[in-house]
Structures are given as C-alpha cells and as structure tokens.
N, C-alpha and C. Protein backbone atom coordinates (compact mmCIF):
# COMPACT_ATOMS: atom_id res chain seq x y z
N MET A 1 0.83 -1.19 0.00
CA MET A 1 0.00 0.00 0.00
C MET A 1 0.87 1.26 0.00
N GLY A 2 2.19 1.05 -0.06
CA GLY A 2 3.09 2.19 -0.15
C GLY A 2 3.57 2.65 1.21
N ASP A 3 4.72 3.28 1.22
CA ASP A 3 5.32 3.73 2.47
C ASP A 3 4.68 4.98 3.04
N ASP A 4 3.73 5.59 2.31
CA ASP A 4 3.02 6.75 2.84
C ASP A 4 1.94 6.33 3.83
N ASN A 5 1.56 5.07 3.81
CA ASN A 5 0.56 4.53 4.72
C ASN A 5 1.27 3.68 5.78
N PRO A 6 0.58 3.39 6.88
CA PRO A 6 1.17 2.46 7.86
C PRO A 6 1.36 1.09 7.22
N PRO A 7 2.17 0.23 7.82
CA PRO A 7 2.23 -1.16 7.34
C PRO A 7 0.82 -1.75 7.38
N LYS A 8 0.52 -2.71 6.51
CA LYS A 8 -0.84 -3.26 6.44
C LYS A 8 -1.37 -3.70 7.80
N ALA A 9 -0.53 -4.33 8.59
CA ALA A 9 -0.98 -4.81 9.90
C ALA A 9 -1.53 -3.69 10.77
N LEU A 10 -1.08 -2.45 10.52
CA LEU A 10 -1.49 -1.33 11.36
C LEU A 10 -2.55 -0.44 10.72
N LEU A 11 -3.06 -0.84 9.55
CA LEU A 11 -4.16 -0.10 8.94
C LEU A 11 -5.40 -0.25 9.81
N MET A 12 -6.15 0.83 9.94
CA MET A 12 -7.34 0.83 10.79
C MET A 12 -8.59 0.49 9.99
N VAL A 13 -9.41 -0.39 10.56
CA VAL A 13 -10.73 -0.72 10.03
C VAL A 13 -11.69 -0.67 11.21
N ASN A 14 -12.58 0.28 11.16
CA ASN A 14 -13.61 0.43 12.20
C ASN A 14 -13.04 0.43 13.62
N GLY A 15 -12.01 1.23 13.81
CA GLY A 15 -11.47 1.45 15.16
C GLY A 15 -10.41 0.49 15.64
N LYS A 16 -10.09 -0.52 14.84
CA LYS A 16 -9.04 -1.47 15.22
C LYS A 16 -8.10 -1.67 14.04
N THR A 17 -6.87 -2.03 14.34
CA THR A 17 -5.94 -2.35 13.27
C THR A 17 -6.27 -3.73 12.71
N LEU A 18 -5.81 -3.99 11.49
CA LEU A 18 -5.99 -5.34 10.93
C LEU A 18 -5.39 -6.38 11.87
N LEU A 19 -4.24 -6.07 12.45
CA LEU A 19 -3.60 -7.00 13.39
C LEU A 19 -4.51 -7.29 14.58
N GLU A 20 -5.11 -6.26 15.14
CA GLU A 20 -5.99 -6.47 16.29
C GLU A 20 -7.21 -7.31 15.93
N TRP A 21 -7.78 -7.10 14.73
CA TRP A 21 -8.91 -7.93 14.30
C TRP A 21 -8.48 -9.39 14.22
N GLN A 22 -7.30 -9.65 13.65
CA GLN A 22 -6.83 -11.03 13.51
C GLN A 22 -6.55 -11.67 14.87
N LEU A 23 -5.92 -10.91 15.76
CA LEU A 23 -5.64 -11.44 17.10
C LEU A 23 -6.93 -11.76 17.84
N GLU A 24 -7.94 -10.92 17.66
CA GLU A 24 -9.24 -11.17 18.28
C GLU A 24 -9.85 -12.48 17.80
N MET A 25 -9.72 -12.74 16.48
CA MET A 25 -10.26 -13.98 15.92
C MET A 25 -9.50 -15.20 16.47
N LEU A 26 -8.20 -15.08 16.64
CA LEU A 26 -7.38 -16.21 17.09
C LEU A 26 -7.46 -16.46 18.60
N LYS A 27 -7.80 -15.42 19.36
CA LYS A 27 -7.80 -15.51 20.82
C LYS A 27 -8.65 -16.67 21.31
N GLY A 28 -8.05 -17.49 22.14
CA GLY A 28 -8.74 -18.64 22.72
C GLY A 28 -8.79 -19.85 21.80
N ASN A 29 -8.32 -19.70 20.56
CA ASN A 29 -8.37 -20.80 19.59
C ASN A 29 -7.00 -21.40 19.30
N VAL A 30 -5.93 -20.69 19.67
CA VAL A 30 -4.57 -21.17 19.45
C VAL A 30 -3.76 -20.93 20.72
N ASP A 31 -2.68 -21.70 20.88
CA ASP A 31 -1.85 -21.57 22.09
C ASP A 31 -0.86 -20.43 22.01
N LYS A 32 -0.25 -20.24 20.83
CA LYS A 32 0.75 -19.20 20.65
C LYS A 32 0.50 -18.48 19.34
N ILE A 33 0.86 -17.21 19.32
CA ILE A 33 0.77 -16.43 18.09
C ILE A 33 2.16 -15.88 17.79
N VAL A 34 2.62 -16.12 16.57
CA VAL A 34 3.92 -15.64 16.13
C VAL A 34 3.70 -14.75 14.91
N LEU A 35 4.19 -13.52 14.99
CA LEU A 35 4.09 -12.61 13.86
C LEU A 35 5.35 -12.75 13.01
N ALA A 36 5.17 -13.06 11.73
CA ALA A 36 6.28 -13.13 10.78
C ALA A 36 6.39 -11.75 10.14
N LEU A 37 7.46 -11.04 10.46
CA LEU A 37 7.60 -9.65 10.01
C LEU A 37 8.81 -9.49 9.10
N GLY A 38 8.69 -8.53 8.19
CA GLY A 38 9.77 -8.20 7.29
C GLY A 38 9.89 -6.70 7.18
N HIS A 39 9.52 -6.17 6.02
CA HIS A 39 9.58 -4.73 5.73
C HIS A 39 8.82 -3.93 6.79
N ARG A 40 9.46 -2.93 7.36
CA ARG A 40 8.87 -2.04 8.36
C ARG A 40 8.48 -2.77 9.65
N ALA A 41 9.22 -3.81 9.97
CA ALA A 41 8.93 -4.62 11.15
C ALA A 41 8.93 -3.81 12.43
N GLN A 42 9.85 -2.86 12.55
CA GLN A 42 9.98 -2.12 13.81
C GLN A 42 8.71 -1.37 14.17
N GLU A 43 7.98 -0.87 13.19
CA GLU A 43 6.72 -0.17 13.47
C GLU A 43 5.71 -1.11 14.13
N ILE A 44 5.70 -2.35 13.67
CA ILE A 44 4.77 -3.33 14.24
C ILE A 44 5.26 -3.78 15.61
N VAL A 45 6.56 -3.97 15.76
CA VAL A 45 7.14 -4.33 17.06
C VAL A 45 6.80 -3.25 18.08
N ASP A 46 6.95 -1.99 17.71
CA ASP A 46 6.64 -0.88 18.62
C ASP A 46 5.16 -0.89 19.00
N PHE A 47 4.28 -1.16 18.05
CA PHE A 47 2.84 -1.24 18.31
C PHE A 47 2.54 -2.38 19.28
N VAL A 48 3.14 -3.54 19.05
CA VAL A 48 2.94 -4.71 19.91
C VAL A 48 3.37 -4.38 21.34
N LYS A 49 4.51 -3.72 21.49
CA LYS A 49 5.00 -3.34 22.83
C LYS A 49 4.06 -2.31 23.48
N GLN A 50 3.64 -1.32 22.70
CA GLN A 50 2.75 -0.28 23.21
C GLN A 50 1.44 -0.88 23.71
N LYS A 51 0.89 -1.83 22.97
CA LYS A 51 -0.39 -2.45 23.31
C LYS A 51 -0.23 -3.64 24.26
N ASN A 52 1.04 -4.00 24.55
CA ASN A 52 1.34 -5.14 25.43
C ASN A 52 0.64 -6.42 24.94
N LEU A 53 0.76 -6.68 23.64
CA LEU A 53 0.11 -7.85 23.03
C LEU A 53 0.94 -9.10 23.32
N ASN A 54 0.25 -10.17 23.59
CA ASN A 54 0.90 -11.44 23.93
C ASN A 54 1.20 -12.23 22.65
N VAL A 55 2.25 -11.82 21.97
CA VAL A 55 2.66 -12.49 20.73
C VAL A 55 4.17 -12.63 20.72
N LYS A 56 4.64 -13.58 19.94
CA LYS A 56 6.07 -13.71 19.68
C LYS A 56 6.35 -13.04 18.34
N ILE A 57 7.59 -12.66 18.14
CA ILE A 57 7.97 -11.95 16.92
C ILE A 57 9.07 -12.72 16.21
N SER A 58 8.93 -12.86 14.90
CA SER A 58 9.96 -13.43 14.04
C SER A 58 10.21 -12.41 12.93
N ILE A 59 11.45 -11.94 12.84
CA ILE A 59 11.78 -10.91 11.85
C ILE A 59 12.77 -11.46 10.84
N GLU A 60 12.44 -11.29 9.57
CA GLU A 60 13.35 -11.68 8.49
C GLU A 60 14.50 -10.67 8.42
N ASP A 61 15.73 -11.18 8.39
CA ASP A 61 16.89 -10.30 8.20
C ASP A 61 16.98 -9.84 6.76
N SER A 62 16.57 -10.71 5.85
CA SER A 62 16.47 -10.39 4.43
C SER A 62 15.21 -11.08 3.92
N PRO A 63 14.62 -10.59 2.82
CA PRO A 63 13.36 -11.17 2.34
C PRO A 63 13.46 -12.68 2.10
N LEU A 64 12.55 -13.43 2.72
CA LEU A 64 12.53 -14.89 2.61
C LEU A 64 11.37 -15.39 1.76
N GLY A 65 10.41 -14.52 1.44
CA GLY A 65 9.19 -14.98 0.80
C GLY A 65 8.27 -15.57 1.85
N SER A 66 7.03 -15.80 1.50
CA SER A 66 6.06 -16.27 2.49
C SER A 66 6.43 -17.64 3.06
N GLY A 67 6.98 -18.54 2.24
CA GLY A 67 7.37 -19.86 2.74
C GLY A 67 8.49 -19.79 3.74
N GLY A 68 9.52 -19.03 3.39
CA GLY A 68 10.64 -18.87 4.30
C GLY A 68 10.25 -18.15 5.58
N ALA A 69 9.38 -17.15 5.46
CA ALA A 69 8.93 -16.40 6.64
C ALA A 69 8.12 -17.28 7.58
N VAL A 70 7.21 -18.10 7.02
CA VAL A 70 6.40 -18.99 7.85
C VAL A 70 7.29 -20.04 8.51
N LYS A 71 8.22 -20.60 7.76
CA LYS A 71 9.13 -21.61 8.32
C LYS A 71 9.97 -21.02 9.45
N LYS A 72 10.52 -19.83 9.22
CA LYS A 72 11.34 -19.18 10.25
C LYS A 72 10.50 -18.88 11.49
N ALA A 73 9.28 -18.38 11.30
CA ALA A 73 8.40 -18.08 12.43
C ALA A 73 8.07 -19.35 13.20
N PHE A 74 7.81 -20.44 12.48
CA PHE A 74 7.52 -21.72 13.13
C PHE A 74 8.72 -22.18 13.96
N LEU A 75 9.90 -22.20 13.34
CA LEU A 75 11.10 -22.70 14.02
C LEU A 75 11.49 -21.83 15.22
N SER A 76 11.30 -20.52 15.12
CA SER A 76 11.71 -19.64 16.22
C SER A 76 10.63 -19.45 17.28
N GLY A 77 9.37 -19.61 16.91
CA GLY A 77 8.30 -19.28 17.85
C GLY A 77 7.48 -20.42 18.40
N CYS A 78 7.38 -21.51 17.65
CA CYS A 78 6.53 -22.61 18.13
C CYS A 78 6.97 -23.94 17.51
N PRO A 79 8.26 -24.30 17.63
CA PRO A 79 8.76 -25.51 16.95
C PRO A 79 8.14 -26.82 17.43
N ASP A 80 7.48 -26.81 18.57
CA ASP A 80 6.86 -28.03 19.09
C ASP A 80 5.38 -28.14 18.75
N ALA A 81 4.83 -27.14 18.06
CA ALA A 81 3.40 -27.15 17.73
C ALA A 81 3.09 -28.28 16.76
N ASP A 82 2.02 -29.00 17.02
CA ASP A 82 1.59 -30.07 16.11
C ASP A 82 0.98 -29.50 14.84
N LYS A 83 0.25 -28.39 15.00
CA LYS A 83 -0.38 -27.73 13.85
C LYS A 83 -0.17 -26.23 13.95
N VAL A 84 -0.17 -25.61 12.79
CA VAL A 84 0.05 -24.17 12.69
C VAL A 84 -1.06 -23.58 11.83
N TYR A 85 -1.67 -22.50 12.32
CA TYR A 85 -2.69 -21.78 11.56
C TYR A 85 -2.00 -20.54 11.00
N VAL A 86 -1.86 -20.49 9.68
CA VAL A 86 -1.17 -19.39 9.01
C VAL A 86 -2.23 -18.50 8.37
N LEU A 87 -2.09 -17.19 8.57
CA LEU A 87 -3.02 -16.29 7.89
C LEU A 87 -2.31 -15.01 7.48
N ASN A 88 -2.82 -14.43 6.42
CA ASN A 88 -2.35 -13.13 5.96
C ASN A 88 -3.10 -12.08 6.75
N VAL A 89 -2.38 -11.10 7.28
CA VAL A 89 -3.02 -10.07 8.10
C VAL A 89 -4.08 -9.30 7.32
N ASP A 90 -3.95 -9.24 6.01
CA ASP A 90 -4.88 -8.44 5.20
C ASP A 90 -6.06 -9.25 4.67
N ASP A 91 -6.26 -10.46 5.16
CA ASP A 91 -7.41 -11.28 4.79
C ASP A 91 -8.27 -11.51 6.03
N LEU A 92 -9.27 -10.66 6.24
CA LEU A 92 -10.14 -10.74 7.40
C LEU A 92 -11.29 -11.71 7.16
N ALA A 93 -11.45 -12.64 8.08
CA ALA A 93 -12.56 -13.59 8.03
C ALA A 93 -12.71 -14.19 9.43
N GLN A 94 -13.93 -14.37 9.87
CA GLN A 94 -14.17 -15.00 11.17
C GLN A 94 -14.28 -16.52 10.97
N VAL A 95 -13.15 -17.14 10.74
CA VAL A 95 -13.08 -18.58 10.45
C VAL A 95 -13.23 -19.37 11.75
N ASP A 96 -13.86 -20.53 11.66
CA ASP A 96 -13.93 -21.46 12.79
C ASP A 96 -12.56 -22.15 12.86
N VAL A 97 -11.62 -21.51 13.53
CA VAL A 97 -10.24 -21.98 13.60
C VAL A 97 -10.16 -23.38 14.20
N VAL A 98 -10.91 -23.64 15.25
CA VAL A 98 -10.87 -24.94 15.92
C VAL A 98 -11.27 -26.05 14.95
N ALA A 99 -12.33 -25.84 14.19
CA ALA A 99 -12.77 -26.85 13.22
C ALA A 99 -11.74 -27.02 12.11
N ALA A 100 -11.16 -25.94 11.63
CA ALA A 100 -10.15 -26.02 10.57
C ALA A 100 -8.92 -26.78 11.06
N LEU A 101 -8.53 -26.58 12.30
CA LEU A 101 -7.35 -27.26 12.85
C LEU A 101 -7.55 -28.77 12.99
N LYS A 102 -8.79 -29.24 12.98
CA LYS A 102 -9.06 -30.67 13.12
C LYS A 102 -8.85 -31.45 11.82
N LEU A 103 -8.76 -30.75 10.69
CA LEU A 103 -8.65 -31.42 9.40
C LEU A 103 -7.22 -31.83 9.11
N GLU A 104 -7.08 -32.79 8.19
CA GLU A 104 -5.76 -33.23 7.74
C GLU A 104 -5.08 -32.09 7.01
N THR A 105 -3.78 -32.04 7.11
CA THR A 105 -3.01 -30.95 6.49
C THR A 105 -2.23 -31.45 5.28
N PRO A 106 -1.74 -30.53 4.44
CA PRO A 106 -2.07 -29.11 4.48
C PRO A 106 -3.53 -28.88 4.13
N CYS A 107 -4.09 -27.88 4.78
CA CYS A 107 -5.51 -27.56 4.59
C CYS A 107 -5.64 -26.06 4.34
N ILE A 108 -6.28 -25.72 3.25
CA ILE A 108 -6.51 -24.31 2.95
C ILE A 108 -7.95 -23.95 3.29
N VAL A 109 -8.14 -22.75 3.78
CA VAL A 109 -9.48 -22.25 4.06
C VAL A 109 -9.97 -21.58 2.78
N VAL A 110 -11.15 -22.01 2.32
CA VAL A 110 -11.68 -21.53 1.05
C VAL A 110 -13.07 -20.94 1.23
N LYS A 111 -13.42 -20.09 0.29
CA LYS A 111 -14.75 -19.48 0.26
C LYS A 111 -15.40 -19.82 -1.07
N PRO A 112 -16.64 -20.32 -1.06
CA PRO A 112 -17.33 -20.57 -2.33
C PRO A 112 -17.56 -19.24 -3.07
N VAL A 113 -17.23 -19.23 -4.34
CA VAL A 113 -17.38 -18.03 -5.16
C VAL A 113 -18.12 -18.41 -6.44
N PRO A 114 -19.32 -17.89 -6.64
CA PRO A 114 -20.03 -18.18 -7.89
C PRO A 114 -19.44 -17.37 -9.05
N PHE A 115 -19.49 -17.94 -10.23
CA PHE A 115 -19.00 -17.21 -11.40
C PHE A 115 -19.74 -17.67 -12.64
N SER A 116 -19.80 -16.79 -13.62
CA SER A 116 -20.33 -17.11 -14.95
C SER A 116 -19.23 -16.78 -15.95
N VAL A 117 -19.30 -17.39 -17.12
CA VAL A 117 -18.28 -17.17 -18.13
C VAL A 117 -18.95 -16.64 -19.39
N LEU A 118 -18.37 -15.61 -19.98
CA LEU A 118 -18.85 -15.03 -21.23
C LEU A 118 -17.86 -15.43 -22.32
N VAL A 119 -18.34 -16.17 -23.33
CA VAL A 119 -17.49 -16.60 -24.44
C VAL A 119 -18.20 -16.25 -25.74
N ASN A 120 -17.54 -15.46 -26.58
CA ASN A 120 -18.07 -15.07 -27.88
C ASN A 120 -19.50 -14.54 -27.79
N GLY A 121 -19.75 -13.69 -26.83
CA GLY A 121 -21.06 -13.05 -26.71
C GLY A 121 -22.13 -13.91 -26.07
N LYS A 122 -21.79 -15.12 -25.60
CA LYS A 122 -22.77 -16.00 -24.96
C LYS A 122 -22.34 -16.26 -23.52
N ILE A 123 -23.28 -16.04 -22.61
CA ILE A 123 -22.98 -16.31 -21.20
C ILE A 123 -23.27 -17.77 -20.92
N HIS A 124 -22.34 -18.40 -20.24
CA HIS A 124 -22.50 -19.81 -19.86
C HIS A 124 -22.92 -19.87 -18.39
N SER A 125 -23.67 -20.89 -18.05
CA SER A 125 -24.32 -20.97 -16.75
C SER A 125 -23.36 -20.76 -15.59
N GLN A 126 -23.96 -20.30 -14.51
CA GLN A 126 -23.18 -20.01 -13.31
C GLN A 126 -22.71 -21.31 -12.67
N ASN A 127 -21.45 -21.31 -12.29
CA ASN A 127 -20.84 -22.43 -11.59
C ASN A 127 -20.31 -21.90 -10.26
N GLU A 128 -19.68 -22.77 -9.52
CA GLU A 128 -19.10 -22.34 -8.26
C GLU A 128 -17.68 -22.88 -8.19
N THR A 129 -16.80 -22.04 -7.70
CA THR A 129 -15.43 -22.45 -7.47
C THR A 129 -15.09 -22.07 -6.04
N PHE A 130 -13.91 -22.41 -5.59
CA PHE A 130 -13.50 -22.08 -4.24
C PHE A 130 -12.24 -21.24 -4.29
N GLN A 131 -12.24 -20.15 -3.55
CA GLN A 131 -11.12 -19.21 -3.50
C GLN A 131 -10.38 -19.39 -2.18
N HIS A 132 -9.07 -19.62 -2.23
CA HIS A 132 -8.24 -19.66 -1.02
C HIS A 132 -8.25 -18.27 -0.42
N ILE A 133 -8.59 -18.15 0.84
CA ILE A 133 -8.75 -16.82 1.44
C ILE A 133 -7.54 -16.39 2.28
N GLY A 134 -6.39 -16.99 2.04
CA GLY A 134 -5.18 -16.56 2.74
C GLY A 134 -5.03 -17.14 4.13
N HIS A 135 -5.82 -18.14 4.46
CA HIS A 135 -5.71 -18.85 5.74
C HIS A 135 -5.37 -20.30 5.41
N THR A 136 -4.41 -20.87 6.13
CA THR A 136 -3.93 -22.22 5.85
C THR A 136 -3.57 -22.92 7.15
N VAL A 137 -3.85 -24.22 7.22
CA VAL A 137 -3.43 -25.02 8.37
C VAL A 137 -2.32 -25.96 7.90
N LEU A 138 -1.22 -25.93 8.63
CA LEU A 138 -0.07 -26.80 8.33
C LEU A 138 0.25 -27.65 9.55
N SER A 139 0.75 -28.85 9.31
CA SER A 139 1.25 -29.68 10.40
C SER A 139 2.70 -29.29 10.68
N LYS A 140 3.24 -29.83 11.74
CA LYS A 140 4.65 -29.63 12.05
C LYS A 140 5.51 -30.11 10.88
N GLU A 141 5.15 -31.28 10.33
CA GLU A 141 5.90 -31.84 9.20
C GLU A 141 5.82 -30.94 7.97
N ASP A 142 4.62 -30.40 7.70
CA ASP A 142 4.46 -29.47 6.57
C ASP A 142 5.36 -28.26 6.78
N SER A 143 5.32 -27.70 7.99
CA SER A 143 6.09 -26.49 8.28
C SER A 143 7.58 -26.71 8.06
N LEU A 144 8.06 -27.89 8.42
CA LEU A 144 9.49 -28.19 8.24
C LEU A 144 9.85 -28.39 6.77
N LYS A 145 8.87 -28.77 5.95
CA LYS A 145 9.12 -28.99 4.52
C LYS A 145 9.03 -27.70 3.69
N LEU A 146 8.56 -26.62 4.30
CA LEU A 146 8.45 -25.36 3.57
C LEU A 146 9.83 -24.94 3.07
N PRO A 147 9.87 -24.21 1.96
CA PRO A 147 11.17 -23.75 1.46
C PRO A 147 11.79 -22.72 2.42
N ASP A 148 13.11 -22.67 2.46
CA ASP A 148 13.80 -21.67 3.27
C ASP A 148 13.60 -20.27 2.70
N THR A 149 13.42 -20.20 1.39
CA THR A 149 13.07 -18.95 0.72
C THR A 149 12.03 -19.29 -0.34
N GLY A 150 11.20 -18.34 -0.64
CA GLY A 150 10.17 -18.55 -1.65
C GLY A 150 8.79 -18.60 -1.05
N SER A 151 7.83 -18.92 -1.88
CA SER A 151 6.42 -18.83 -1.56
C SER A 151 5.87 -20.12 -0.97
N TYR A 152 5.12 -20.01 0.12
CA TYR A 152 4.45 -21.22 0.62
C TYR A 152 3.26 -21.55 -0.25
N GLU A 153 2.70 -20.55 -0.94
CA GLU A 153 1.59 -20.81 -1.85
C GLU A 153 2.07 -21.68 -3.02
N LYS A 154 3.26 -21.42 -3.54
CA LYS A 154 3.80 -22.26 -4.61
C LYS A 154 4.10 -23.66 -4.10
N TRP A 155 4.53 -23.77 -2.86
CA TRP A 155 4.75 -25.08 -2.25
C TRP A 155 3.42 -25.83 -2.14
N LEU A 156 2.37 -25.11 -1.75
CA LEU A 156 1.04 -25.73 -1.60
C LEU A 156 0.54 -26.31 -2.92
N VAL A 157 0.84 -25.63 -4.03
CA VAL A 157 0.38 -26.09 -5.35
C VAL A 157 0.90 -27.50 -5.65
N LEU A 158 2.03 -27.84 -5.10
CA LEU A 158 2.64 -29.15 -5.35
C LEU A 158 2.15 -30.23 -4.39
N GLN A 159 1.29 -29.86 -3.45
CA GLN A 159 0.81 -30.79 -2.44
C GLN A 159 -0.63 -31.20 -2.73
N LYS A 160 -1.02 -32.34 -2.19
CA LYS A 160 -2.43 -32.69 -2.16
C LYS A 160 -2.98 -31.99 -0.93
N VAL A 161 -3.93 -31.07 -1.14
CA VAL A 161 -4.44 -30.28 -0.03
C VAL A 161 -5.87 -30.62 0.30
N ASN A 162 -6.22 -30.43 1.53
CA ASN A 162 -7.60 -30.51 1.99
C ASN A 162 -8.13 -29.10 2.06
N SER A 163 -9.43 -28.98 2.22
CA SER A 163 -10.00 -27.63 2.31
C SER A 163 -11.04 -27.57 3.41
N PHE A 164 -11.10 -26.41 4.02
CA PHE A 164 -12.11 -26.09 5.00
C PHE A 164 -12.93 -24.96 4.40
N VAL A 165 -14.22 -25.19 4.23
CA VAL A 165 -15.08 -24.21 3.57
C VAL A 165 -15.59 -23.19 4.58
N HIS A 166 -15.27 -21.92 4.33
CA HIS A 166 -15.73 -20.80 5.14
C HIS A 166 -16.83 -20.10 4.34
N THR A 167 -18.03 -20.03 4.90
CA THR A 167 -19.14 -19.41 4.17
C THR A 167 -19.46 -18.01 4.64
N GLY A 168 -18.77 -17.55 5.68
CA GLY A 168 -19.02 -16.22 6.20
C GLY A 168 -18.31 -15.14 5.39
N LEU A 169 -18.31 -13.95 5.94
CA LEU A 169 -17.70 -12.79 5.30
C LEU A 169 -16.19 -12.97 5.18
N TRP A 170 -15.66 -12.54 4.07
CA TRP A 170 -14.21 -12.50 3.84
C TRP A 170 -13.91 -11.16 3.20
N VAL A 171 -13.00 -10.42 3.79
CA VAL A 171 -12.63 -9.10 3.29
C VAL A 171 -11.11 -9.07 3.14
N THR A 172 -10.65 -8.72 1.96
CA THR A 172 -9.22 -8.60 1.73
C THR A 172 -8.87 -7.12 1.55
N VAL A 173 -7.70 -6.73 2.04
CA VAL A 173 -7.28 -5.33 1.99
C VAL A 173 -5.93 -5.24 1.30
N ASN A 174 -5.95 -4.99 0.00
CA ASN A 174 -4.72 -4.87 -0.77
C ASN A 174 -4.50 -3.48 -1.35
N ASN A 175 -5.50 -2.60 -1.23
CA ASN A 175 -5.36 -1.24 -1.75
C ASN A 175 -6.35 -0.34 -1.00
N ILE A 176 -6.27 0.95 -1.27
CA ILE A 176 -7.12 1.92 -0.56
C ILE A 176 -8.60 1.66 -0.82
N HIS A 177 -8.96 1.31 -2.07
CA HIS A 177 -10.35 1.01 -2.38
C HIS A 177 -10.87 -0.14 -1.52
N GLN A 178 -10.09 -1.22 -1.40
CA GLN A 178 -10.50 -2.35 -0.58
C GLN A 178 -10.54 -1.99 0.91
N LEU A 179 -9.65 -1.10 1.34
CA LEU A 179 -9.69 -0.65 2.73
C LEU A 179 -10.99 0.08 3.01
N ARG A 180 -11.41 0.95 2.11
CA ARG A 180 -12.69 1.67 2.26
C ARG A 180 -13.86 0.69 2.26
N GLU A 181 -13.79 -0.31 1.39
CA GLU A 181 -14.84 -1.32 1.33
C GLU A 181 -14.89 -2.12 2.63
N ALA A 182 -13.72 -2.45 3.17
CA ALA A 182 -13.66 -3.18 4.45
C ALA A 182 -14.31 -2.37 5.56
N GLU A 183 -14.09 -1.06 5.55
CA GLU A 183 -14.69 -0.20 6.58
C GLU A 183 -16.21 -0.21 6.50
N SER A 184 -16.77 -0.44 5.32
CA SER A 184 -18.23 -0.44 5.21
C SER A 184 -18.85 -1.82 5.42
N THR A 185 -18.05 -2.90 5.35
CA THR A 185 -18.63 -4.24 5.47
C THR A 185 -18.18 -5.00 6.71
N TRP A 186 -17.00 -4.70 7.25
CA TRP A 186 -16.46 -5.48 8.36
C TRP A 186 -16.92 -4.91 9.70
N LYS A 187 -17.48 -5.74 10.53
CA LYS A 187 -17.95 -5.31 11.85
C LYS A 187 -17.36 -6.18 12.93
C-alpha cells in the first residue's frame, strides 16, 4: 500500500488495526501467536509493545518470501506445535479456527465463489469455485518442509491439499479502495 501509509498490519478498520482484528479472531483458539515480520517490522514491534500484546515476533533479516517467513516463524516461535494456523493479516474472516485445525493438512481455508463465463457473446451458466482466502493449516511436518526462501503458496500447489469451507464474510485489503470497502462491510 506504499510507504506513505502504515504497514498493512497497522491499517485501521472500524477502530481497530488489521492486526488487532486477527488477534481477536485467534484468541482462545490457538496456544501461541507468532508474527512473521519483514519490511517495516519495527513499526509493528513498537505497536505490539505499546499495546502489550501477547505475541512472539519473528523478523526476516532479508526477504525470505512467504514460505521462508512462515518456516522461520515456526522454528523460532513454536517448533513443538503439532499444527500451525497461518493467515495473511490483510485477509479478514471469522473462520472457525478450531474446526479447521481438526482437518488433515495441508488444509486451505476456502470461500465458495459463484462465477459465470462469457465466451463469444454468450454467457455460460453459473458455476461455483473455491477461493483460497489466505488462511492455511499446516502440520509440524508441513512447516518443516516449507522452502527456506520462496512462496508457501507455490509449495502448496505441489501438495495434495484438503480444504475447510468458510461461508461467512471474507474481506481482503490490498489497496485503498478495498480498505474503504472493508470499513463499510467489516464489523
């Protein structure tokens, strides 16, 4: 979202930061929370200290990609965890974390998305597909197999994955327009 705005984790939606919304969703559903931080990490560390949030911090010394960041956070913050719930701070959803953690891993949290296709001026009937909403459950073994650098999403493509269907609201915040939309839909 650019360096003129706060880091995404600190963007405000209806009186709370994206980070606070995510922590609220996870509270009581997981034993430990580890923040995987990179660019502008110190701003988030300062916020965590100011708010006295009960989280561990993992900071990339150099960009590792999502796979490397998740693996580093796992190894430094919760290496004994049997399962890990990974989420992007900018993907807000009130997922049933406990139910998702019960499934075989790797498991992606998906949202049903209806779509129609227009081909040569003819609309074809509506179908349904599933969109990964940036939430994933990994086992300890999965976490250890993640690449040291690179994308965990690319690693997931090579795996047989299970899915947990989330039918509630999902709001993603990748730009100012989506931030404004989140403010009008997320409660």
